[in-house]
Structures are given as structure tokens and as C-alpha cells.
Amino acid sequence: MTSVSALIRIDRSSPVPLYFQVARQLEELIASGELAAGTRLETEVALADQLGLSRPTMRQAIQYLVDKGLLVRKRGVGTQVVHARVRRTVELTSLYEDLDRTRQEPRTDVLSLGVVAAPGEVAAAFALPTGAEVLAIERLRYARGEPLALMRNHVPAGLLRVTADDLRGHGLYQLMRAAGVNLRLADQAIGARRATSAEARLLGEPRGAPLLTMARTAYDDAGRAVEYGQHAYRASHYSFELTLVAR
């Protein structure tokens, strides 16, 4: 059983509710791996006492993380860390770089790599005639040894020369920047659907499990479409974060 109270700082002058301060700091400890899956926490009473909080405040903080799927309460066992869901801000970055930056130990299986005739939606994204040649890349991305995302990407033929070894050790955007492609902006759509049998098998999920999806067309600094991606993420392990600004 692990005491986390020494790692949490409460700012009583902050307008942020006390329960939310505790919950976010616990969430960060889980995301960083400092609180690994299976870690047992002390009781809400003990943690509330150590942090100088009321029991209802501590209970609300724990429940917030239970609702997010990061903690679980088990009768006779207590409160345990389930797993660290990957939280990703919606920015023009590659998943590999985001995972590496947050010490999630990214690993990649390259499922296919080669030049193909562009499917309709890919041709439309690149403003090419249907059937024009494009480089197709399909990868399975892992975080901390667990499958996280199935990624299908297309790049205009001749824009990028990469090998499977390149893709195993680097993110696609990192390789594109190294090749002189200056990524500037992207159109992106986020959605959800159920996993197909093949996707479920690759991602280690039951058939029909919920997946988060992302379709993105990235453009360079000359306004050319240089990458079209269709990714599917395990909803149990992944979430997008957005910052909203009032006007």
C-alpha cells in the first residue's frame, strides 16, 4: 500500500476546488508511472487526515478518478490503480513523440509499407485523381508494452523515403521534418465507433469494443496536403484533451 500524500501539494488560496487539485495530481502520478497499475492507495480516511482535508473532499477526488477509469474500488482490497490512460492534447504532433515525452515507452510494429493506388478519400485529401500512387503505412503503436493505436497513414508518392526500421524507431512527423517537410497545420476530425474483429485482435480488445477515431489531413508551409491519417485508439486507454476559450 502506497502513501501518496507526500507527493501532493494543496493550495488553499487557489480558486481550483480542493478535490480537483488532489485528483489532477493523482492523475499525473498515474500518467507518469509513479503510481503503477495495481498500486494500492491508503484509505480515504487516512489520506484525508494526512492532507488536512475532509473525508467527503477526499472521497470526491477518488470518485473522480474512478469515473475516469484510472482507479477501482475492490471490496476487501481497497482502492487500486487500474492503468494510466494516455491523455493527448489536440495539437499537430505525432503520437510517438507524445508518448516518448511522457515516458510511456512507445514501440511500433510496422504492419505494411508500400506504394499503392490512392483510395477515394485519400485521393480527395491530396487533390489527386483516384488511383494515383501514394505511400501507404500501417502501424500498431504500443505504450508500456500494451497495444494502444492502429494507425493508417498515406503520403504523396515521392515525398518521403522511409524503411520499416525508420518507422519502428521514430514518429512519422519526425521523419517528415528530417526530410525537409515543414508541417504547419491540419484539419482533424475526432469520432468513435466499434472495433472490427481484426482491429479488436490487434488491439487486445473484445470484438465491438469502443474505439476513438481520428482522421487528419496535414499541410506544409506551402499549403500542400502532405499526410492523410486514419487512426483508431483503445477508448479504455486513451483520451483527447482540448482547451476551450470563451469569447
C-alpha atoms as a PDB file:
ATOM      1  CA  MET A   1       0.000   0.000   0.000  1.00  0.00           C
ATOM      2  CA  THR A   2       1.463   3.332  -1.072  1.00  0.00           C
ATOM      3  CA  SER A   3       1.154   6.698   0.656  1.00  0.00           C
ATOM      4  CA  VAL A   4       0.888   9.469  -1.903  1.00  0.00           C
ATOM      5  CA  SER A   5       0.185  12.357   0.445  1.00  0.00           C
ATOM      6  CA  ALA A   6       3.849  13.451   0.452  1.00  0.00           C
ATOM      7  CA  LEU A   7       3.659  13.917  -3.331  1.00  0.00           C
ATOM      8  CA  ILE A   8       0.540  16.102  -3.293  1.00  0.00           C
ATOM      9  CA  ARG A   9       0.557  19.835  -2.680  1.00  0.00           C
ATOM     10  CA  ILE A  10      -2.634  21.643  -1.682  1.00  0.00           C
ATOM     11  CA  ASP A  11      -3.007  25.350  -2.456  1.00  0.00           C
ATOM     12  CA  ARG A  12      -5.820  26.625  -0.248  1.00  0.00           C
ATOM     13  CA  SER A  13      -5.614  30.089  -1.792  1.00  0.00           C
ATOM     14  CA  SER A  14      -6.329  28.716  -5.287  1.00  0.00           C
ATOM     15  CA  PRO A  15      -9.819  29.031  -6.819  1.00  0.00           C
ATOM     16  CA  VAL A  16      -9.457  25.409  -8.014  1.00  0.00           C
ATOM     17  CA  PRO A  17     -11.593  23.136  -5.783  1.00  0.00           C
ATOM     18  CA  LEU A  18      -9.549  21.098  -3.305  1.00  0.00           C
ATOM     19  CA  TYR A  19     -10.888  17.754  -4.549  1.00  0.00           C
ATOM     20  CA  PHE A  20      -9.871  18.645  -8.112  1.00  0.00           C
ATOM     21  CA  GLN A  21      -6.358  19.661  -7.036  1.00  0.00           C
ATOM     22  CA  VAL A  22      -5.930  16.236  -5.440  1.00  0.00           C
ATOM     23  CA  ALA A  23      -7.496  14.368  -8.365  1.00  0.00           C
ATOM     24  CA  ARG A  24      -5.347  16.055 -11.021  1.00  0.00           C
ATOM     25  CA  GLN A  25      -2.140  15.443  -9.073  1.00  0.00           C
ATOM     26  CA  LEU A  26      -3.045  11.786  -8.593  1.00  0.00           C
ATOM     27  CA  GLU A  27      -3.841  11.578 -12.301  1.00  0.00           C
ATOM     28  CA  GLU A  28      -0.397  12.974 -13.142  1.00  0.00           C
ATOM     29  CA  LEU A  29       1.288  10.447 -10.820  1.00  0.00           C
ATOM     30  CA  ILE A  30      -0.571   7.638 -12.587  1.00  0.00           C
ATOM     31  CA  ALA A  31       0.253   9.004 -16.055  1.00  0.00           C
ATOM     32  CA  SER A  32       3.965   9.310 -15.205  1.00  0.00           C
ATOM     33  CA  GLY A  33       4.102   5.732 -13.912  1.00  0.00           C
ATOM     34  CA  GLU A  34       4.984   6.809 -10.389  1.00  0.00           C
ATOM     35  CA  LEU A  35       1.761   5.096  -9.354  1.00  0.00           C
ATOM     36  CA  ALA A  36       1.864   1.913 -11.416  1.00  0.00           C
ATOM     37  CA  ALA A  37      -1.083  -0.318 -12.307  1.00  0.00           C
ATOM     38  CA  GLY A  38      -2.018  -2.459  -9.319  1.00  0.00           C
ATOM     39  CA  THR A  39      -0.750   0.049  -6.751  1.00  0.00           C
ATOM     40  CA  ARG A  40      -2.967   0.161  -3.653  1.00  0.00           C
ATOM     41  CA  LEU A  41      -3.726   3.526  -2.077  1.00  0.00           C
ATOM     42  CA  GLU A  42      -4.311   4.204   1.572  1.00  0.00           C
ATOM     43  CA  THR A  43      -7.876   4.608   2.744  1.00  0.00           C
ATOM     44  CA  GLU A  44      -9.769   7.818   2.075  1.00  0.00           C
ATOM     45  CA  VAL A  45      -9.806   8.497   5.837  1.00  0.00           C
ATOM     46  CA  ALA A  46      -6.018   8.165   6.104  1.00  0.00           C
ATOM     47  CA  LEU A  47      -5.347  10.283   3.021  1.00  0.00           C
ATOM     48  CA  ALA A  48      -7.821  12.966   4.112  1.00  0.00           C
ATOM     49  CA  ASP A  49      -6.130  13.135   7.522  1.00  0.00           C
ATOM     50  CA  GLN A  50      -2.619  13.363   6.027  1.00  0.00           C
ATOM     51  CA  LEU A  51      -3.633  16.121   3.605  1.00  0.00           C
ATOM     52  CA  GLY A  52      -5.753  18.035   6.103  1.00  0.00           C
ATOM     53  CA  LEU A  53      -8.927  17.571   4.066  1.00  0.00           C
ATOM     54  CA  SER A  54     -12.424  16.454   4.923  1.00  0.00           C
ATOM     55  CA  ARG A  55     -13.392  12.898   4.112  1.00  0.00           C
ATOM     56  CA  PRO A  56     -16.113  13.993   1.607  1.00  0.00           C
ATOM     57  CA  THR A  57     -13.493  16.059  -0.265  1.00  0.00           C
ATOM     58  CA  MET A  58     -11.133  13.092  -0.454  1.00  0.00           C
ATOM     59  CA  ARG A  59     -13.960  10.773  -1.472  1.00  0.00           C
ATOM     60  CA  GLN A  60     -14.897  13.163  -4.303  1.00  0.00           C
ATOM     61  CA  ALA A  61     -11.295  13.203  -5.566  1.00  0.00           C
ATOM     62  CA  ILE A  62     -11.093   9.402  -5.585  1.00  0.00           C
ATOM     63  CA  GLN A  63     -14.511   9.072  -7.236  1.00  0.00           C
ATOM     64  CA  TYR A  64     -13.429  11.460  -9.989  1.00  0.00           C
ATOM     65  CA  LEU A  65     -10.614   9.068 -10.908  1.00  0.00           C
ATOM     66  CA  VAL A  66     -12.827   6.001 -10.526  1.00  0.00           C
ATOM     67  CA  ASP A  67     -15.242   7.571 -13.020  1.00  0.00           C
ATOM     68  CA  LYS A  68     -12.343   8.192 -15.435  1.00  0.00           C
ATOM     69  CA  GLY A  69     -11.306   4.537 -15.203  1.00  0.00           C
ATOM     70  CA  LEU A  70      -7.942   5.217 -13.523  1.00  0.00           C
ATOM     71  CA  LEU A  71      -8.815   3.801 -10.087  1.00  0.00           C
ATOM     72  CA  VAL A  72     -11.026   0.948  -8.972  1.00  0.00           C
ATOM     73  CA  ARG A  73     -12.515   0.144  -5.567  1.00  0.00           C
ATOM     74  CA  LYS A  74     -12.400  -3.554  -4.622  1.00  0.00           C
ATOM     75  CA  ARG A  75     -14.113  -4.998  -1.583  1.00  0.00           C
ATOM     76  CA  GLY A  76     -11.555  -6.387   0.833  1.00  0.00           C
ATOM     77  CA  VAL A  77      -8.662  -4.906  -1.182  1.00  0.00           C
ATOM     78  CA  GLY A  78      -9.184  -1.152  -1.204  1.00  0.00           C
ATOM     79  CA  THR A  79      -8.538   1.390  -3.936  1.00  0.00           C
ATOM     80  CA  GLN A  80      -6.134   0.380  -6.720  1.00  0.00           C
ATOM     81  CA  VAL A  81      -4.626   1.989  -9.792  1.00  0.00           C
ATOM     82  CA  VAL A  82      -6.036   0.354 -12.918  1.00  0.00           C
ATOM     83  CA  HIS A  83      -3.796   1.745 -15.667  1.00  0.00           C
ATOM     84  CA  ALA A  84      -2.562   5.058 -16.973  1.00  0.00           C
ATOM     85  CA  ARG A  85      -4.817   6.206 -19.796  1.00  0.00           C
ATOM     86  CA  VAL A  86      -2.842   8.139 -22.364  1.00  0.00           C
ATOM     87  CA  ARG A  87      -4.089  11.733 -22.400  1.00  0.00           C
ATOM     88  CA  ARG A  88      -3.209  13.678 -25.511  1.00  0.00           C
ATOM     89  CA  THR A  89      -3.732  17.337 -26.266  1.00  0.00           C
ATOM     90  CA  VAL A  90      -5.092  18.071 -29.730  1.00  0.00           C
ATOM     91  CA  GLU A  91      -2.003  19.531 -31.371  1.00  0.00           C
ATOM     92  CA  LEU A  92      -0.046  18.910 -34.583  1.00  0.00           C
ATOM     93  CA  THR A  93       2.298  16.356 -33.020  1.00  0.00           C
ATOM     94  CA  SER A  94       2.942  12.663 -33.585  1.00  0.00           C
ATOM     95  CA  LEU A  95       1.738  10.016 -31.156  1.00  0.00           C
ATOM     96  CA  TYR A  96       5.263   8.575 -30.919  1.00  0.00           C
ATOM     97  CA  GLU A  97       6.708  11.903 -29.775  1.00  0.00           C
ATOM     98  CA  ASP A  98       3.868  12.475 -27.288  1.00  0.00           C
ATOM     99  CA  LEU A  99       4.372   9.030 -25.763  1.00  0.00           C
ATOM    100  CA  ASP A 100       8.146   9.414 -25.648  1.00  0.00           C
ATOM    101  CA  ARG A 101       7.881  12.838 -23.990  1.00  0.00           C
ATOM    102  CA  THR A 102       5.653  11.436 -21.226  1.00  0.00           C
ATOM    103  CA  ARG A 103       7.853   8.337 -20.696  1.00  0.00           C
ATOM    104  CA  GLN A 104       5.207   5.908 -21.999  1.00  0.00           C
ATOM    105  CA  GLU A 105       7.842   3.688 -23.700  1.00  0.00           C
ATOM    106  CA  PRO A 106       6.488   3.754 -27.267  1.00  0.00           C
ATOM    107  CA  ARG A 107       7.058   0.760 -29.535  1.00  0.00           C
ATOM    108  CA  THR A 108       5.890   0.214 -33.104  1.00  0.00           C
ATOM    109  CA  ASP A 109       5.042  -2.813 -35.219  1.00  0.00           C
ATOM    110  CA  VAL A 110       5.035  -1.971 -38.929  1.00  0.00           C
ATOM    111  CA  LEU A 111       2.172  -3.972 -40.416  1.00  0.00           C
ATOM    112  CA  SER A 112       2.566  -2.811 -44.015  1.00  0.00           C
ATOM    113  CA  LEU A 113       4.592  -0.291 -46.013  1.00  0.00           C
ATOM    114  CA  GLY A 114       4.466   0.311 -49.755  1.00  0.00           C
ATOM    115  CA  VAL A 115       3.212   2.331 -52.697  1.00  0.00           C
ATOM    116  CA  VAL A 116      -0.473   1.743 -53.532  1.00  0.00           C
ATOM    117  CA  ALA A 117      -3.233   3.256 -55.651  1.00  0.00           C
ATOM    118  CA  ALA A 118      -4.893   6.017 -53.608  1.00  0.00           C
ATOM    119  CA  PRO A 119      -8.357   5.134 -52.256  1.00  0.00           C
ATOM    120  CA  GLY A 120     -11.052   7.711 -52.930  1.00  0.00           C
ATOM    121  CA  GLU A 121     -10.857   9.618 -49.635  1.00  0.00           C
ATOM    122  CA  VAL A 122      -7.052   9.721 -49.790  1.00  0.00           C
ATOM    123  CA  ALA A 123      -7.056  10.984 -53.366  1.00  0.00           C
ATOM    124  CA  ALA A 124      -9.575  13.664 -52.371  1.00  0.00           C
ATOM    125  CA  ALA A 125      -7.427  14.767 -49.417  1.00  0.00           C
ATOM    126  CA  PHE A 126      -4.388  15.180 -51.685  1.00  0.00           C
ATOM    127  CA  ALA A 127      -6.397  16.581 -54.633  1.00  0.00           C
ATOM    128  CA  LEU A 128      -5.134  13.695 -56.783  1.00  0.00           C
ATOM    129  CA  PRO A 129      -7.007  11.596 -59.332  1.00  0.00           C
ATOM    130  CA  THR A 130      -8.371   8.349 -57.872  1.00  0.00           C
ATOM    131  CA  GLY A 131      -5.786   5.618 -58.320  1.00  0.00           C
ATOM    132  CA  ALA A 132      -2.754   7.927 -58.237  1.00  0.00           C
ATOM    133  CA  GLU A 133       0.202   6.417 -56.379  1.00  0.00           C
ATOM    134  CA  VAL A 134       0.684   7.186 -52.692  1.00  0.00           C
ATOM    135  CA  LEU A 135       2.855   5.722 -49.951  1.00  0.00           C
ATOM    136  CA  ALA A 136       0.702   3.689 -47.532  1.00  0.00           C
ATOM    137  CA  ILE A 137       1.866   2.965 -43.991  1.00  0.00           C
ATOM    138  CA  GLU A 138       0.055   0.832 -41.414  1.00  0.00           C
ATOM    139  CA  ARG A 139       1.415   0.543 -37.877  1.00  0.00           C
ATOM    140  CA  LEU A 140       0.422  -0.774 -34.480  1.00  0.00           C
ATOM    141  CA  ARG A 141       1.630   1.530 -31.710  1.00  0.00           C
ATOM    142  CA  TYR A 142       2.292   0.308 -28.157  1.00  0.00           C
ATOM    143  CA  ALA A 143       2.669   2.220 -24.886  1.00  0.00           C
ATOM    144  CA  ARG A 144       4.376   0.470 -21.973  1.00  0.00           C
ATOM    145  CA  GLY A 145       4.044  -2.869 -23.682  1.00  0.00           C
ATOM    146  CA  GLU A 146       0.303  -2.612 -24.378  1.00  0.00           C
ATOM    147  CA  PRO A 147      -1.242  -2.040 -27.830  1.00  0.00           C
ATOM    148  CA  LEU A 148      -2.713   1.459 -27.954  1.00  0.00           C
ATOM    149  CA  ALA A 149      -3.434   2.571 -31.529  1.00  0.00           C
ATOM    150  CA  LEU A 150      -3.842   1.208 -35.022  1.00  0.00           C
ATOM    151  CA  MET A 151      -2.570   3.853 -37.450  1.00  0.00           C
ATOM    152  CA  ARG A 152      -3.041   4.054 -41.220  1.00  0.00           C
ATOM    153  CA  ASN A 153      -1.243   6.906 -42.948  1.00  0.00           C
ATOM    154  CA  HIS A 154      -0.796   7.974 -46.569  1.00  0.00           C
ATOM    155  CA  VAL A 155       1.817  10.318 -48.002  1.00  0.00           C
ATOM    156  CA  PRO A 156       2.098  11.523 -51.630  1.00  0.00           C
ATOM    157  CA  ALA A 157       4.432   9.259 -53.600  1.00  0.00           C
ATOM    158  CA  GLY A 158       7.995  10.606 -53.808  1.00  0.00           C
ATOM    159  CA  LEU A 159       7.622  12.943 -50.827  1.00  0.00           C
ATOM    160  CA  LEU A 160       9.219  10.622 -48.275  1.00  0.00           C
ATOM    161  CA  ARG A 161      11.572   7.651 -48.396  1.00  0.00           C
ATOM    162  CA  VAL A 162      11.370   5.530 -45.255  1.00  0.00           C
ATOM    163  CA  THR A 163      12.050   1.954 -44.210  1.00  0.00           C
ATOM    164  CA  ALA A 164      10.278  -0.209 -41.672  1.00  0.00           C
ATOM    165  CA  ASP A 165      13.274   0.266 -39.350  1.00  0.00           C
ATOM    166  CA  ASP A 166      12.877   4.058 -39.621  1.00  0.00           C
ATOM    167  CA  LEU A 167       9.221   3.754 -38.615  1.00  0.00           C
ATOM    168  CA  ARG A 168       9.962   1.435 -35.719  1.00  0.00           C
ATOM    169  CA  GLY A 169      12.318   3.933 -34.139  1.00  0.00           C
ATOM    170  CA  HIS A 170      10.748   7.290 -34.983  1.00  0.00           C
ATOM    171  CA  GLY A 171       7.430   9.053 -35.350  1.00  0.00           C
ATOM    172  CA  LEU A 172       6.175   9.763 -38.868  1.00  0.00           C
ATOM    173  CA  TYR A 173       6.220  13.542 -38.359  1.00  0.00           C
ATOM    174  CA  GLN A 174       9.790  13.362 -37.057  1.00  0.00           C
ATOM    175  CA  LEU A 175      10.810  11.542 -40.248  1.00  0.00           C
ATOM    176  CA  MET A 176       8.938  14.049 -42.409  1.00  0.00           C
ATOM    177  CA  ARG A 177      10.626  17.005 -40.727  1.00  0.00           C
ATOM    178  CA  ALA A 178      14.020  15.304 -41.187  1.00  0.00           C
ATOM    179  CA  ALA A 179      13.196  15.000 -44.894  1.00  0.00           C
ATOM    180  CA  GLY A 180      12.588  18.750 -45.118  1.00  0.00           C
ATOM    181  CA  VAL A 181       8.790  18.720 -44.906  1.00  0.00           C
ATOM    182  CA  ASN A 182       7.662  21.668 -42.769  1.00  0.00           C
ATOM    183  CA  LEU A 183       4.328  20.722 -41.223  1.00  0.00           C
ATOM    184  CA  ARG A 184       2.240  23.792 -40.493  1.00  0.00           C
ATOM    185  CA  LEU A 185      -1.430  22.981 -39.847  1.00  0.00           C
ATOM    186  CA  ALA A 186      -4.026  20.227 -40.132  1.00  0.00           C
ATOM    187  CA  ASP A 187      -7.732  19.562 -40.484  1.00  0.00           C
ATOM    188  CA  GLN A 188      -8.795  16.937 -37.974  1.00  0.00           C
ATOM    189  CA  ALA A 189     -11.994  15.101 -37.097  1.00  0.00           C
ATOM    190  CA  ILE A 190     -12.404  13.043 -33.900  1.00  0.00           C
ATOM    191  CA  GLY A 191     -15.082  10.380 -33.601  1.00  0.00           C
ATOM    192  CA  ALA A 192     -15.917   6.967 -32.187  1.00  0.00           C
ATOM    193  CA  ARG A 193     -17.050   3.562 -33.433  1.00  0.00           C
ATOM    194  CA  ARG A 194     -16.900  -0.128 -32.595  1.00  0.00           C
ATOM    195  CA  ALA A 195     -13.835  -2.255 -33.320  1.00  0.00           C
ATOM    196  CA  THR A 196     -13.918  -4.748 -36.161  1.00  0.00           C
ATOM    197  CA  SER A 197     -12.778  -8.307 -35.471  1.00  0.00           C
ATOM    198  CA  ALA A 198      -9.346  -7.623 -36.991  1.00  0.00           C
ATOM    199  CA  GLU A 199      -8.893  -4.374 -35.053  1.00  0.00           C
ATOM    200  CA  ALA A 200     -10.012  -5.996 -31.801  1.00  0.00           C
ATOM    201  CA  ARG A 201      -7.470  -8.791 -32.260  1.00  0.00           C
ATOM    202  CA  LEU A 202      -4.595  -6.376 -32.905  1.00  0.00           C
ATOM    203  CA  LEU A 203      -5.542  -4.024 -30.059  1.00  0.00           C
ATOM    204  CA  GLY A 204      -6.267  -6.729 -27.490  1.00  0.00           C
ATOM    205  CA  GLU A 205      -9.906  -5.704 -27.101  1.00  0.00           C
ATOM    206  CA  PRO A 206     -13.135  -7.734 -27.405  1.00  0.00           C
ATOM    207  CA  ARG A 207     -14.923  -7.561 -30.749  1.00  0.00           C
ATOM    208  CA  GLY A 208     -17.161  -4.496 -30.873  1.00  0.00           C
ATOM    209  CA  ALA A 209     -15.211  -2.647 -28.160  1.00  0.00           C
ATOM    210  CA  PRO A 210     -15.425   1.154 -28.383  1.00  0.00           C
ATOM    211  CA  LEU A 211     -12.625   2.899 -30.256  1.00  0.00           C
ATOM    212  CA  LEU A 212     -11.781   6.586 -30.505  1.00  0.00           C
ATOM    213  CA  THR A 213     -11.007   7.606 -34.073  1.00  0.00           C
ATOM    214  CA  MET A 214      -9.106  10.433 -35.659  1.00  0.00           C
ATOM    215  CA  ALA A 215      -8.888  11.451 -39.327  1.00  0.00           C
ATOM    216  CA  ARG A 216      -6.333  14.112 -40.140  1.00  0.00           C
ATOM    217  CA  THR A 217      -5.055  15.905 -43.233  1.00  0.00           C
ATOM    218  CA  ALA A 218      -1.782  17.737 -42.564  1.00  0.00           C
ATOM    219  CA  TYR A 219      -0.446  20.586 -44.691  1.00  0.00           C
ATOM    220  CA  ASP A 220       3.039  22.026 -45.129  1.00  0.00           C
ATOM    221  CA  ASP A 221       4.016  25.689 -45.049  1.00  0.00           C
ATOM    222  CA  ALA A 222       3.217  25.981 -48.774  1.00  0.00           C
ATOM    223  CA  GLY A 223      -0.351  24.831 -48.169  1.00  0.00           C
ATOM    224  CA  ARG A 224       0.121  21.390 -49.780  1.00  0.00           C
ATOM    225  CA  ALA A 225      -1.574  18.354 -48.246  1.00  0.00           C
ATOM    226  CA  VAL A 226       1.356  16.127 -47.256  1.00  0.00           C
ATOM    227  CA  GLU A 227      -0.184  13.467 -44.991  1.00  0.00           C
ATOM    228  CA  TYR A 228      -3.552  11.820 -44.502  1.00  0.00           C
ATOM    229  CA  GLY A 229      -4.029   9.691 -41.392  1.00  0.00           C
ATOM    230  CA  GLN A 230      -6.798   7.466 -40.068  1.00  0.00           C
ATOM    231  CA  HIS A 231      -6.132   6.242 -36.542  1.00  0.00           C
ATOM    232  CA  ALA A 232      -8.126   4.098 -34.113  1.00  0.00           C
ATOM    233  CA  TYR A 233      -7.354   4.197 -30.383  1.00  0.00           C
ATOM    234  CA  ARG A 234      -8.444   1.976 -27.493  1.00  0.00           C
ATOM    235  CA  ALA A 235     -11.053   4.057 -25.665  1.00  0.00           C
ATOM    236  CA  SER A 236     -10.167   2.245 -22.433  1.00  0.00           C
ATOM    237  CA  HIS A 237      -6.580   3.535 -22.639  1.00  0.00           C
ATOM    238  CA  TYR A 238      -6.744   6.835 -24.496  1.00  0.00           C
ATOM    239  CA  SER A 239      -8.411  10.240 -24.466  1.00  0.00           C
ATOM    240  CA  PHE A 240      -8.092  13.589 -26.258  1.00  0.00           C
ATOM    241  CA  GLU A 241      -7.870  16.870 -24.354  1.00  0.00           C
ATOM    242  CA  LEU A 242      -8.950  20.264 -25.651  1.00  0.00           C
ATOM    243  CA  THR A 243      -8.630  23.737 -24.160  1.00  0.00           C
ATOM    244  CA  LEU A 244     -11.727  25.894 -24.759  1.00  0.00           C
ATOM    245  CA  VAL A 245     -11.529  29.676 -24.611  1.00  0.00           C
ATOM    246  CA  ALA A 246     -14.552  31.940 -24.064  1.00  0.00           C
ATOM    247  CA  ARG A 247     -15.010  34.848 -26.433  1.00  0.00           C
END
